[in-house]
């Protein structure tokens, strides 16, 4: 057995969307923000338009969009529907508590 490659992503996500629908666009924005801010350098994000790749959607048993599939780390998970709420997406991915926000100047 070989050791995992340290350069390989620790997270593998697949986001199923439907064209340029508002819900799909919001889901993509939310997921990309999480990937950029919290999983930078550790994630592989694949975006799949179900109209372009219906066979892939069928293989993953996608019945609604948007759907975010966490392929790695195990166990696999699917988050279906409104993915605009970043806290809901974080919880669904098991990312733990959000990183602390910097203090606001002048706040008590």
PDB file of N, CA and C in Angstrom:
ATOM      1  N   UNK A   1       0.850  -1.179   0.000  1.00  0.00           N
ATOM      2  CA  UNK A   1       0.000   0.000   0.000  1.00  0.00           C
ATOM      3  C   UNK A   1       0.889   1.233   0.000  1.00  0.00           C
ATOM      4  N   UNK A   2       0.587   2.179  -0.872  1.00  0.00           N
ATOM      5  CA  UNK A   2       1.399   3.389  -0.943  1.00  0.00           C
ATOM      6  C   UNK A   2       0.744   4.497  -0.149  1.00  0.00           C
ATOM      7  N   UNK A   3       1.557   5.416   0.306  1.00  0.00           N
ATOM      8  CA  UNK A   3       1.053   6.569   1.050  1.00  0.00           C
ATOM      9  C   UNK A   3       0.343   7.510   0.094  1.00  0.00           C
ATOM     10  N   UNK A   4      -0.711   8.191   0.558  1.00  0.00           N
ATOM     11  CA  UNK A   4      -1.396   9.128  -0.316  1.00  0.00           C
ATOM     12  C   UNK A   4      -0.477  10.267  -0.708  1.00  0.00           C
ATOM     13  N   UNK A   5      -0.657  10.760  -1.904  1.00  0.00           N
ATOM     14  CA  UNK A   5       0.129  11.876  -2.410  1.00  0.00           C
ATOM     15  C   UNK A   5      -0.284  13.140  -1.666  1.00  0.00           C
ATOM     16  N   UNK A   6       0.686  13.818  -1.035  1.00  0.00           N
ATOM     17  CA  UNK A   6       0.382  15.021  -0.272  1.00  0.00           C
ATOM     18  C   UNK A   6      -0.141  16.145  -1.149  1.00  0.00           C
ATOM     19  N   UNK A   7       0.137  16.094  -2.466  1.00  0.00           N
ATOM     20  CA  UNK A   7      -0.332  17.130  -3.366  1.00  0.00           C
ATOM     21  C   UNK A   7      -1.762  16.877  -3.836  1.00  0.00           C
ATOM     22  N   UNK A   8      -2.301  15.697  -3.560  1.00  0.00           N
ATOM     23  CA  UNK A   8      -3.650  15.398  -4.019  1.00  0.00           C
ATOM     24  C   UNK A   8      -4.668  16.096  -3.119  1.00  0.00           C
ATOM     25  N   UNK A   9      -5.834  16.439  -3.687  1.00  0.00           N
ATOM     26  CA  UNK A   9      -6.847  17.104  -2.874  1.00  0.00           C
ATOM     27  C   UNK A   9      -7.378  16.178  -1.785  1.00  0.00           C
ATOM     28  N   UNK A  10      -7.698  16.743  -0.655  1.00  0.00           N
ATOM     29  CA  UNK A  10      -8.268  15.983   0.449  1.00  0.00           C
ATOM     30  C   UNK A  10      -9.786  15.921   0.323  1.00  0.00           C
ATOM     31  N   UNK A  11     -10.355  16.821  -0.481  1.00  0.00           N
ATOM     32  CA  UNK A  11     -11.792  16.910  -0.695  1.00  0.00           C
ATOM     33  C   UNK A  11     -12.076  16.762  -2.174  1.00  0.00           C
ATOM     34  N   UNK A  12     -13.123  16.031  -2.491  1.00  0.00           N
ATOM     35  CA  UNK A  12     -13.601  15.928  -3.863  1.00  0.00           C
ATOM     36  C   UNK A  12     -15.096  16.212  -3.848  1.00  0.00           C
ATOM     37  N   UNK A  13     -15.487  17.296  -4.503  1.00  0.00           N
ATOM     38  CA  UNK A  13     -16.881  17.716  -4.544  1.00  0.00           C
ATOM     39  C   UNK A  13     -17.354  17.766  -5.984  1.00  0.00           C
ATOM     40  N   UNK A  14     -18.605  17.408  -6.186  1.00  0.00           N
ATOM     41  CA  UNK A  14     -19.212  17.515  -7.513  1.00  0.00           C
ATOM     42  C   UNK A  14     -20.536  18.253  -7.327  1.00  0.00           C
ATOM     43  N   UNK A  15     -20.683  19.369  -8.035  1.00  0.00           N
ATOM     44  CA  UNK A  15     -21.900  20.169  -7.952  1.00  0.00           C
ATOM     45  C   UNK A  15     -22.690  19.998  -9.234  1.00  0.00           C
ATOM     46  N   UNK A  16     -23.895  19.478  -9.098  1.00  0.00           N
ATOM     47  CA  UNK A  16     -24.793  19.322 -10.243  1.00  0.00           C
ATOM     48  C   UNK A  16     -25.690  20.544 -10.320  1.00  0.00           C
ATOM     49  N   UNK A  17     -25.736  21.159 -11.501  1.00  0.00           N
ATOM     50  CA  UNK A  17     -26.530  22.357 -11.725  1.00  0.00           C
ATOM     51  C   UNK A  17     -27.368  22.178 -12.984  1.00  0.00           C
ATOM     52  N   UNK A  18     -28.262  23.133 -13.193  1.00  0.00           N
ATOM     53  CA  UNK A  18     -29.091  23.134 -14.393  1.00  0.00           C
ATOM     54  C   UNK A  18     -28.917  24.470 -15.095  1.00  0.00           C
ATOM     55  N   UNK A  19     -28.014  24.503 -16.063  1.00  0.00           N
ATOM     56  CA  UNK A  19     -27.798  25.718 -16.840  1.00  0.00           C
ATOM     57  C   UNK A  19     -27.509  26.915 -15.964  1.00  0.00           C
ATOM     58  N   UNK A  20     -28.163  28.018 -16.295  1.00  0.00           N
ATOM     59  CA  UNK A  20     -27.928  29.267 -15.575  1.00  0.00           C
ATOM     60  C   UNK A  20     -29.104  29.611 -14.671  1.00  0.00           C
ATOM     61  N   UNK A  21     -29.774  28.604 -14.120  1.00  0.00           N
ATOM     62  CA  UNK A  21     -30.907  28.882 -13.235  1.00  0.00           C
ATOM     63  C   UNK A  21     -30.421  29.658 -12.012  1.00  0.00           C
ATOM     64  N   UNK A  22     -31.275  30.510 -11.449  1.00  0.00           N
ATOM     65  CA  UNK A  22     -30.866  31.295 -10.275  1.00  0.00           C
ATOM     66  C   UNK A  22     -30.406  30.427  -9.103  1.00  0.00           C
ATOM     67  N   UNK A  23     -31.102  29.323  -8.831  1.00  0.00           N
ATOM     68  CA  UNK A  23     -30.696  28.452  -7.714  1.00  0.00           C
ATOM     69  C   UNK A  23     -29.336  27.809  -7.983  1.00  0.00           C
ATOM     70  N   UNK A  24     -29.102  27.416  -9.217  1.00  0.00           N
ATOM     71  CA  UNK A  24     -27.810  26.822  -9.566  1.00  0.00           C
ATOM     72  C   UNK A  24     -26.695  27.849  -9.454  1.00  0.00           C
ATOM     73  N   UNK A  25     -26.953  29.069  -9.917  1.00  0.00           N
ATOM     74  CA  UNK A  25     -25.942  30.132  -9.833  1.00  0.00           C
ATOM     75  C   UNK A  25     -25.606  30.443  -8.380  1.00  0.00           C
ATOM     76  N   UNK A  26     -26.622  30.506  -7.512  1.00  0.00           N
ATOM     77  CA  UNK A  26     -26.386  30.777  -6.091  1.00  0.00           C
ATOM     78  C   UNK A  26     -25.624  29.627  -5.442  1.00  0.00           C
ATOM     79  N   UNK A  27     -25.972  28.405  -5.792  1.00  0.00           N
ATOM     80  CA  UNK A  27     -25.263  27.244  -5.250  1.00  0.00           C
ATOM     81  C   UNK A  27     -23.797  27.280  -5.650  1.00  0.00           C
ATOM     82  N   UNK A  28     -23.536  27.588  -6.907  1.00  0.00           N
ATOM     83  CA  UNK A  28     -22.156  27.649  -7.389  1.00  0.00           C
ATOM     84  C   UNK A  28     -21.376  28.728  -6.652  1.00  0.00           C
ATOM     85  N   UNK A  29     -21.998  29.884  -6.441  1.00  0.00           N
ATOM     86  CA  UNK A  29     -21.325  30.971  -5.714  1.00  0.00           C
ATOM     87  C   UNK A  29     -20.993  30.549  -4.282  1.00  0.00           C
ATOM     88  N   UNK A  30     -21.952  29.938  -3.606  1.00  0.00           N
ATOM     89  CA  UNK A  30     -21.740  29.504  -2.221  1.00  0.00           C
ATOM     90  C   UNK A  30     -20.635  28.455  -2.128  1.00  0.00           C
ATOM     91  N   UNK A  31     -20.697  27.454  -2.981  1.00  0.00           N
ATOM     92  CA  UNK A  31     -19.719  26.361  -2.929  1.00  0.00           C
ATOM     93  C   UNK A  31     -18.329  26.873  -3.297  1.00  0.00           C
ATOM     94  N   UNK A  32     -18.232  27.705  -4.319  1.00  0.00           N
ATOM     95  CA  UNK A  32     -16.914  28.252  -4.684  1.00  0.00           C
ATOM     96  C   UNK A  32     -16.330  29.093  -3.564  1.00  0.00           C
ATOM     97  N   UNK A  33     -17.176  29.880  -2.895  1.00  0.00           N
ATOM     98  CA  UNK A  33     -16.679  30.704  -1.789  1.00  0.00           C
ATOM     99  C   UNK A  33     -16.125  29.816  -0.677  1.00  0.00           C
ATOM    100  N   UNK A  34     -16.848  28.760  -0.319  1.00  0.00           N
ATOM    101  CA  UNK A  34     -16.346  27.835   0.705  1.00  0.00           C
ATOM    102  C   UNK A  34     -15.037  27.185   0.271  1.00  0.00           C
ATOM    103  N   UNK A  35     -14.980  26.780  -0.990  1.00  0.00           N
ATOM    104  CA  UNK A  35     -13.757  26.143  -1.500  1.00  0.00           C
ATOM    105  C   UNK A  35     -12.582  27.111  -1.453  1.00  0.00           C
ATOM    106  N   UNK A  36     -12.815  28.353  -1.862  1.00  0.00           N
ATOM    107  CA  UNK A  36     -11.739  29.347  -1.900  1.00  0.00           C
ATOM    108  C   UNK A  36     -11.301  29.782  -0.509  1.00  0.00           C
ATOM    109  N   UNK A  37     -12.261  29.938   0.400  1.00  0.00           N
ATOM    110  CA  UNK A  37     -11.948  30.491   1.716  1.00  0.00           C
ATOM    111  C   UNK A  37     -11.524  29.444   2.739  1.00  0.00           C
ATOM    112  N   UNK A  38     -12.064  28.238   2.649  1.00  0.00           N
ATOM    113  CA  UNK A  38     -11.804  27.265   3.709  1.00  0.00           C
ATOM    114  C   UNK A  38     -11.119  25.990   3.251  1.00  0.00           C
ATOM    115  N   UNK A  39     -11.189  25.703   1.967  1.00  0.00           N
ATOM    116  CA  UNK A  39     -10.599  24.457   1.476  1.00  0.00           C
ATOM    117  C   UNK A  39      -9.542  24.713   0.410  1.00  0.00           C
ATOM    118  N   UNK A  40      -9.042  25.927   0.347  1.00  0.00           N
ATOM    119  CA  UNK A  40      -8.080  26.294  -0.696  1.00  0.00           C
ATOM    120  C   UNK A  40      -6.900  25.330  -0.703  1.00  0.00           C
ATOM    121  N   UNK A  41      -6.585  24.816  -1.885  1.00  0.00           N
ATOM    122  CA  UNK A  41      -5.465  23.905  -2.039  1.00  0.00           C
ATOM    123  C   UNK A  41      -5.750  22.475  -1.606  1.00  0.00           C
ATOM    124  N   UNK A  42      -6.957  22.230  -1.077  1.00  0.00           N
ATOM    125  CA  UNK A  42      -7.297  20.897  -0.579  1.00  0.00           C
ATOM    126  C   UNK A  42      -8.484  20.286  -1.291  1.00  0.00           C
ATOM    127  N   UNK A  43      -9.026  20.986  -2.300  1.00  0.00           N
ATOM    128  CA  UNK A  43     -10.301  20.555  -2.864  1.00  0.00           C
ATOM    129  C   UNK A  43     -10.256  20.482  -4.379  1.00  0.00           C
ATOM    130  N   UNK A  44     -10.965  19.500  -4.895  1.00  0.00           N
ATOM    131  CA  UNK A  44     -11.216  19.399  -6.326  1.00  0.00           C
ATOM    132  C   UNK A  44     -12.723  19.568  -6.489  1.00  0.00           C
ATOM    133  N   UNK A  45     -13.130  20.623  -7.199  1.00  0.00           N
ATOM    134  CA  UNK A  45     -14.543  20.894  -7.426  1.00  0.00           C
ATOM    135  C   UNK A  45     -14.857  20.680  -8.894  1.00  0.00           C
ATOM    136  N   UNK A  46     -15.808  19.810  -9.157  1.00  0.00           N
ATOM    137  CA  UNK A  46     -16.273  19.555 -10.518  1.00  0.00           C
ATOM    138  C   UNK A  46     -17.714  20.053 -10.608  1.00  0.00           C
ATOM    139  N   UNK A  47     -17.985  20.897 -11.596  1.00  0.00           N
ATOM    140  CA  UNK A  47     -19.337  21.406 -11.811  1.00  0.00           C
ATOM    141  C   UNK A  47     -19.911  20.705 -13.032  1.00  0.00           C
ATOM    142  N   UNK A  48     -21.074  20.092 -12.870  1.00  0.00           N
ATOM    143  CA  UNK A  48     -21.699  19.303 -13.927  1.00  0.00           C
ATOM    144  C   UNK A  48     -23.078  19.883 -14.231  1.00  0.00           C
ATOM    145  N   UNK A  49     -23.288  20.261 -15.489  1.00  0.00           N
ATOM    146  CA  UNK A  49     -24.609  20.691 -15.939  1.00  0.00           C
ATOM    147  C   UNK A  49     -25.363  19.436 -16.369  1.00  0.00           C
ATOM    148  N   UNK A  50     -26.489  19.164 -15.722  1.00  0.00           N
ATOM    149  CA  UNK A  50     -27.214  17.922 -16.004  1.00  0.00           C
ATOM    150  C   UNK A  50     -27.737  17.867 -17.437  1.00  0.00           C
ATOM    151  N   UNK A  51     -27.938  19.017 -18.065  1.00  0.00           N
ATOM    152  CA  UNK A  51     -28.383  19.024 -19.466  1.00  0.00           C
ATOM    153  C   UNK A  51     -27.271  18.546 -20.390  1.00  0.00           C
ATOM    154  N   UNK A  52     -26.022  18.836 -20.020  1.00  0.00           N
ATOM    155  CA  UNK A  52     -24.877  18.438 -20.835  1.00  0.00           C
ATOM    156  C   UNK A  52     -24.412  17.016 -20.548  1.00  0.00           C
ATOM    157  N   UNK A  53     -24.590  16.556 -19.310  1.00  0.00           N
ATOM    158  CA  UNK A  53     -24.090  15.236 -18.914  1.00  0.00           C
ATOM    159  C   UNK A  53     -25.150  14.445 -18.145  1.00  0.00           C
ATOM    160  N   UNK A  54     -26.268  14.117 -18.810  1.00  0.00           N
ATOM    161  CA  UNK A  54     -27.338  13.401 -18.104  1.00  0.00           C
ATOM    162  C   UNK A  54     -26.925  12.005 -17.629  1.00  0.00           C
ATOM    163  N   UNK A  55     -26.012  11.353 -18.337  1.00  0.00           N
ATOM    164  CA  UNK A  55     -25.587  10.008 -17.923  1.00  0.00           C
ATOM    165  C   UNK A  55     -24.845  10.040 -16.589  1.00  0.00           C
ATOM    166  N   UNK A  56     -24.008  11.064 -16.401  1.00  0.00           N
ATOM    167  CA  UNK A  56     -23.280  11.202 -15.139  1.00  0.00           C
ATOM    168  C   UNK A  56     -24.259  11.478 -13.999  1.00  0.00           C
ATOM    169  N   UNK A  57     -25.234  12.329 -14.262  1.00  0.00           N
ATOM    170  CA  UNK A  57     -26.251  12.613 -13.247  1.00  0.00           C
ATOM    171  C   UNK A  57     -27.037  11.350 -12.901  1.00  0.00           C
ATOM    172  N   UNK A  58     -27.374  10.559 -13.903  1.00  0.00           N
ATOM    173  CA  UNK A  58     -28.108   9.313 -13.653  1.00  0.00           C
ATOM    174  C   UNK A  58     -27.262   8.335 -12.848  1.00  0.00           C
ATOM    175  N   UNK A  59     -25.979   8.251 -13.166  1.00  0.00           N
ATOM    176  CA  UNK A  59     -25.089   7.331 -12.448  1.00  0.00           C
ATOM    177  C   UNK A  59     -24.985   7.704 -10.967  1.00  0.00           C
ATOM    178  N   UNK A  60     -24.989   9.019 -10.674  1.00  0.00           N
ATOM    179  CA  UNK A  60     -24.923   9.472  -9.278  1.00  0.00           C
ATOM    180  C   UNK A  60     -26.309   9.588  -8.639  1.00  0.00           C
ATOM    181  N   UNK A  61     -27.345   9.170  -9.385  1.00  0.00           N
ATOM    182  CA  UNK A  61     -28.729   9.180  -8.899  1.00  0.00           C
ATOM    183  C   UNK A  61     -29.195  10.575  -8.488  1.00  0.00           C
ATOM    184  N   UNK A  62     -28.901  11.545  -9.329  1.00  0.00           N
ATOM    185  CA  UNK A  62     -29.312  12.922  -9.080  1.00  0.00           C
ATOM    186  C   UNK A  62     -30.754  13.080  -9.543  1.00  0.00           C
ATOM    187  N   UNK A  63     -31.631  13.486  -8.633  1.00  0.00           N
ATOM    188  CA  UNK A  63     -33.046  13.643  -8.967  1.00  0.00           C
ATOM    189  C   UNK A  63     -33.503  15.094  -8.906  1.00  0.00           C
ATOM    190  N   UNK A  64     -32.673  15.981  -8.364  1.00  0.00           N
ATOM    191  CA  UNK A  64     -33.004  17.399  -8.277  1.00  0.00           C
ATOM    192  C   UNK A  64     -31.708  18.196  -8.339  1.00  0.00           C
ATOM    193  N   UNK A  65     -31.816  19.423  -8.806  1.00  0.00           N
ATOM    194  CA  UNK A  65     -30.659  20.309  -8.834  1.00  0.00           C
ATOM    195  C   UNK A  65     -31.040  21.635  -8.196  1.00  0.00           C
ATOM    196  N   UNK A  66     -30.084  22.311  -7.588  1.00  0.00           N
ATOM    197  CA  UNK A  66     -28.694  21.897  -7.463  1.00  0.00           C
ATOM    198  C   UNK A  66     -28.515  20.803  -6.413  1.00  0.00           C
ATOM    199  N   UNK A  67     -27.518  19.971  -6.652  1.00  0.00           N
ATOM    200  CA  UNK A  67     -27.115  18.934  -5.708  1.00  0.00           C
ATOM    201  C   UNK A  67     -25.600  18.962  -5.589  1.00  0.00           C
ATOM    202  N   UNK A  68     -25.120  19.025  -4.358  1.00  0.00           N
ATOM    203  CA  UNK A  68     -23.685  18.970  -4.092  1.00  0.00           C
ATOM    204  C   UNK A  68     -23.364  17.586  -3.553  1.00  0.00           C
ATOM    205  N   UNK A  69     -22.424  16.912  -4.205  1.00  0.00           N
ATOM    206  CA  UNK A  69     -22.014  15.574  -3.793  1.00  0.00           C
ATOM    207  C   UNK A  69     -20.608  15.659  -3.211  1.00  0.00           C
ATOM    208  N   UNK A  70     -20.484  15.230  -1.965  1.00  0.00           N
ATOM    209  CA  UNK A  70     -19.152  15.109  -1.363  1.00  0.00           C
ATOM    210  C   UNK A  70     -18.703  13.685  -1.617  1.00  0.00           C
ATOM    211  N   UNK A  71     -17.695  13.547  -2.477  1.00  0.00           N
ATOM    212  CA  UNK A  71     -17.172  12.223  -2.813  1.00  0.00           C
ATOM    213  C   UNK A  71     -16.060  11.828  -1.853  1.00  0.00           C
ATOM    214  N   UNK A  72     -15.239  12.763  -1.481  1.00  0.00           N
ATOM    215  CA  UNK A  72     -14.168  12.585  -0.495  1.00  0.00           C
ATOM    216  C   UNK A  72     -14.200  13.780   0.442  1.00  0.00           C
ATOM    217  N   UNK A  73     -13.911  13.597   1.687  1.00  0.00           N
ATOM    218  CA  UNK A  73     -13.608  12.360   2.396  1.00  0.00           C
ATOM    219  C   UNK A  73     -14.877  11.537   2.620  1.00  0.00           C
ATOM    220  N   UNK A  74     -14.682  10.221   2.816  1.00  0.00           N
ATOM    221  CA  UNK A  74     -15.834   9.368   3.077  1.00  0.00           C
ATOM    222  C   UNK A  74     -16.482   9.743   4.415  1.00  0.00           C
ATOM    223  N   UNK A  75     -17.716   9.422   4.620  1.00  0.00           N
ATOM    224  CA  UNK A  75     -18.629   8.780   3.682  1.00  0.00           C
ATOM    225  C   UNK A  75     -19.180   9.799   2.686  1.00  0.00           C
ATOM    226  N   UNK A  76     -19.593   9.330   1.510  1.00  0.00           N
ATOM    227  CA  UNK A  76     -20.186  10.243   0.532  1.00  0.00           C
ATOM    228  C   UNK A  76     -21.464  10.872   1.095  1.00  0.00           C
ATOM    229  N   UNK A  77     -21.733  12.097   0.648  1.00  0.00           N
ATOM    230  CA  UNK A  77     -22.939  12.811   1.083  1.00  0.00           C
ATOM    231  C   UNK A  77     -23.517  13.568  -0.086  1.00  0.00           C
ATOM    232  N   UNK A  78     -24.806  13.838  -0.022  1.00  0.00           N
ATOM    233  CA  UNK A  78     -25.469  14.687  -1.009  1.00  0.00           C
ATOM    234  C   UNK A  78     -26.257  15.764  -0.281  1.00  0.00           C
ATOM    235  N   UNK A  79     -26.086  17.002  -0.736  1.00  0.00           N
ATOM    236  CA  UNK A  79     -26.883  18.122  -0.258  1.00  0.00           C
ATOM    237  C   UNK A  79     -27.742  18.553  -1.437  1.00  0.00           C
ATOM    238  N   UNK A  80     -29.045  18.558  -1.249  1.00  0.00           N
ATOM    239  CA  UNK A  80     -29.974  18.791  -2.351  1.00  0.00           C
ATOM    240  C   UNK A  80     -30.802  20.037  -2.079  1.00  0.00           C
ATOM    241  N   UNK A  81     -31.006  20.829  -3.141  1.00  0.00           N
ATOM    242  CA  UNK A  81     -31.924  21.963  -3.050  1.00  0.00           C
ATOM    243  C   UNK A  81     -31.209  23.275  -2.858  1.00  0.00           C
ATOM    244  N   UNK A  82     -31.792  24.133  -2.039  1.00  0.00           N
ATOM    245  CA  UNK A  82     -31.281  25.485  -1.847  1.00  0.00           C
ATOM    246  C   UNK A  82     -29.937  25.443  -1.125  1.00  0.00           C
ATOM    247  N   UNK A  83     -28.889  25.792  -1.842  1.00  0.00           N
ATOM    248  CA  UNK A  83     -27.542  25.792  -1.263  1.00  0.00           C
ATOM    249  C   UNK A  83     -27.039  27.213  -1.041  1.00  0.00           C
ATOM    250  N   UNK A  84     -27.953  28.175  -0.897  1.00  0.00           N
ATOM    251  CA  UNK A  84     -27.559  29.563  -0.686  1.00  0.00           C
ATOM    252  C   UNK A  84     -27.067  29.802   0.739  1.00  0.00           C
ATOM    253  N   UNK A  85     -27.542  29.025   1.688  1.00  0.00           N
ATOM    254  CA  UNK A  85     -27.180  29.203   3.095  1.00  0.00           C
ATOM    255  C   UNK A  85     -25.827  28.551   3.364  1.00  0.00           C
ATOM    256  N   UNK A  86     -24.819  29.386   3.514  1.00  0.00           N
ATOM    257  CA  UNK A  86     -23.454  28.879   3.665  1.00  0.00           C
ATOM    258  C   UNK A  86     -23.315  28.012   4.916  1.00  0.00           C
ATOM    259  N   UNK A  87     -24.034  28.341   5.986  1.00  0.00           N
ATOM    260  CA  UNK A  87     -23.943  27.539   7.210  1.00  0.00           C
ATOM    261  C   UNK A  87     -24.539  26.147   6.999  1.00  0.00           C
ATOM    262  N   UNK A  88     -25.609  26.064   6.220  1.00  0.00           N
ATOM    263  CA  UNK A  88     -26.213  24.763   5.905  1.00  0.00           C
ATOM    264  C   UNK A  88     -25.251  23.911   5.076  1.00  0.00           C
ATOM    265  N   UNK A  89     -24.593  24.538   4.117  1.00  0.00           N
ATOM    266  CA  UNK A  89     -23.634  23.809   3.279  1.00  0.00           C
ATOM    267  C   UNK A  89     -22.447  23.354   4.125  1.00  0.00           C
ATOM    268  N   UNK A  90     -21.955  24.237   4.992  1.00  0.00           N
ATOM    269  CA  UNK A  90     -20.835  23.873   5.883  1.00  0.00           C
ATOM    270  C   UNK A  90     -21.204  22.657   6.729  1.00  0.00           C
ATOM    271  N   UNK A  91     -22.404  22.700   7.309  1.00  0.00           N
ATOM    272  CA  UNK A  91     -22.848  21.592   8.158  1.00  0.00           C
ATOM    273  C   UNK A  91     -22.981  20.309   7.340  1.00  0.00           C
ATOM    274  N   UNK A  92     -23.529  20.417   6.149  1.00  0.00           N
ATOM    275  CA  UNK A  92     -23.694  19.246   5.299  1.00  0.00           C
ATOM    276  C   UNK A  92     -22.382  18.618   4.876  1.00  0.00           C
ATOM    277  N   UNK A  93     -21.349  19.442   4.771  1.00  0.00           N
ATOM    278  CA  UNK A  93     -20.024  18.943   4.400  1.00  0.00           C
ATOM    279  C   UNK A  93     -19.198  18.522   5.612  1.00  0.00           C
ATOM    280  N   UNK A  94     -19.727  18.728   6.813  1.00  0.00           N
ATOM    281  CA  UNK A  94     -18.998  18.441   8.058  1.00  0.00           C
ATOM    282  C   UNK A  94     -17.712  19.252   8.157  1.00  0.00           C
ATOM    283  N   UNK A  95     -17.803  20.537   7.856  1.00  0.00           N
ATOM    284  CA  UNK A  95     -16.619  21.393   7.939  1.00  0.00           C
ATOM    285  C   UNK A  95     -16.343  21.882   9.352  1.00  0.00           C
ATOM    286  N   UNK A  96     -17.233  21.622  10.283  1.00  0.00           N
ATOM    287  CA  UNK A  96     -17.021  22.092  11.636  1.00  0.00           C
ATOM    288  C   UNK A  96     -17.449  23.541  11.771  1.00  0.00           C
ATOM    289  N   UNK A  97     -17.114  24.166  12.897  1.00  0.00           N
ATOM    290  CA  UNK A  97     -17.537  25.552  13.109  1.00  0.00           C
ATOM    291  C   UNK A  97     -16.855  26.488  12.119  1.00  0.00           C
ATOM    292  N   UNK A  98     -17.536  27.590  11.774  1.00  0.00           N
ATOM    293  CA  UNK A  98     -16.912  28.536  10.847  1.00  0.00           C
ATOM    294  C   UNK A  98     -15.663  29.137  11.463  1.00  0.00           C
ATOM    295  N   UNK A  99     -14.712  29.509  10.614  1.00  0.00           N
ATOM    296  CA  UNK A  99     -13.523  30.161  11.158  1.00  0.00           C
ATOM    297  C   UNK A  99     -13.929  31.457  11.830  1.00  0.00           C
ATOM    298  N   UNK A 100     -13.208  31.824  12.877  1.00  0.00           N
ATOM    299  CA  UNK A 100     -13.568  33.042  13.599  1.00  0.00           C
ATOM    300  C   UNK A 100     -13.373  34.253  12.703  1.00  0.00           C
ATOM    301  N   UNK A 101     -14.293  35.171  12.846  1.00  0.00           N
ATOM    302  CA  UNK A 101     -14.229  36.410  12.084  1.00  0.00           C
ATOM    303  C   UNK A 101     -13.308  37.381  12.805  1.00  0.00           C
ATOM    304  N   UNK A 102     -12.578  38.220  12.053  1.00  0.00           N
ATOM    305  CA  UNK A 102     -11.748  39.213  12.723  1.00  0.00           C
ATOM    306  C   UNK A 102     -12.629  40.189  13.484  1.00  0.00           C
ATOM    307  N   UNK A 103     -12.153  40.696  14.617  1.00  0.00           N
ATOM    308  CA  UNK A 103     -12.964  41.626  15.400  1.00  0.00           C
ATOM    309  C   UNK A 103     -13.237  42.902  14.606  1.00  0.00           C
ATOM    310  N   UNK A 104     -14.424  43.437  14.824  1.00  0.00           N
ATOM    311  CA  UNK A 104     -14.809  44.683  14.168  1.00  0.00           C
ATOM    312  C   UNK A 104     -14.255  45.835  14.988  1.00  0.00           C
ATOM    313  N   UNK A 105     -13.496  46.756  14.347  1.00  0.00           N
ATOM    314  CA  UNK A 105     -12.945  47.891  15.100  1.00  0.00           C
ATOM    315  C   UNK A 105     -14.056  48.692  15.766  1.00  0.00           C
ATOM    316  N   UNK A 106     -13.861  49.023  17.025  1.00  0.00           N
ATOM    317  CA  UNK A 106     -14.821  49.826  17.766  1.00  0.00           C
ATOM    318  C   UNK A 106     -15.957  49.025  18.371  1.00  0.00           C
ATOM    319  N   UNK A 107     -16.008  47.725  18.109  1.00  0.00           N
ATOM    320  CA  UNK A 107     -17.071  46.900  18.689  1.00  0.00           C
ATOM    321  C   UNK A 107     -16.719  46.586  20.136  1.00  0.00           C
ATOM    322  N   UNK A 108     -17.739  46.511  21.005  1.00  0.00           N
ATOM    323  CA  UNK A 108     -17.455  46.222  22.430  1.00  0.00           C
ATOM    324  C   UNK A 108     -16.933  44.835  22.648  1.00  0.00           C
TER     325      UNK A 108
END
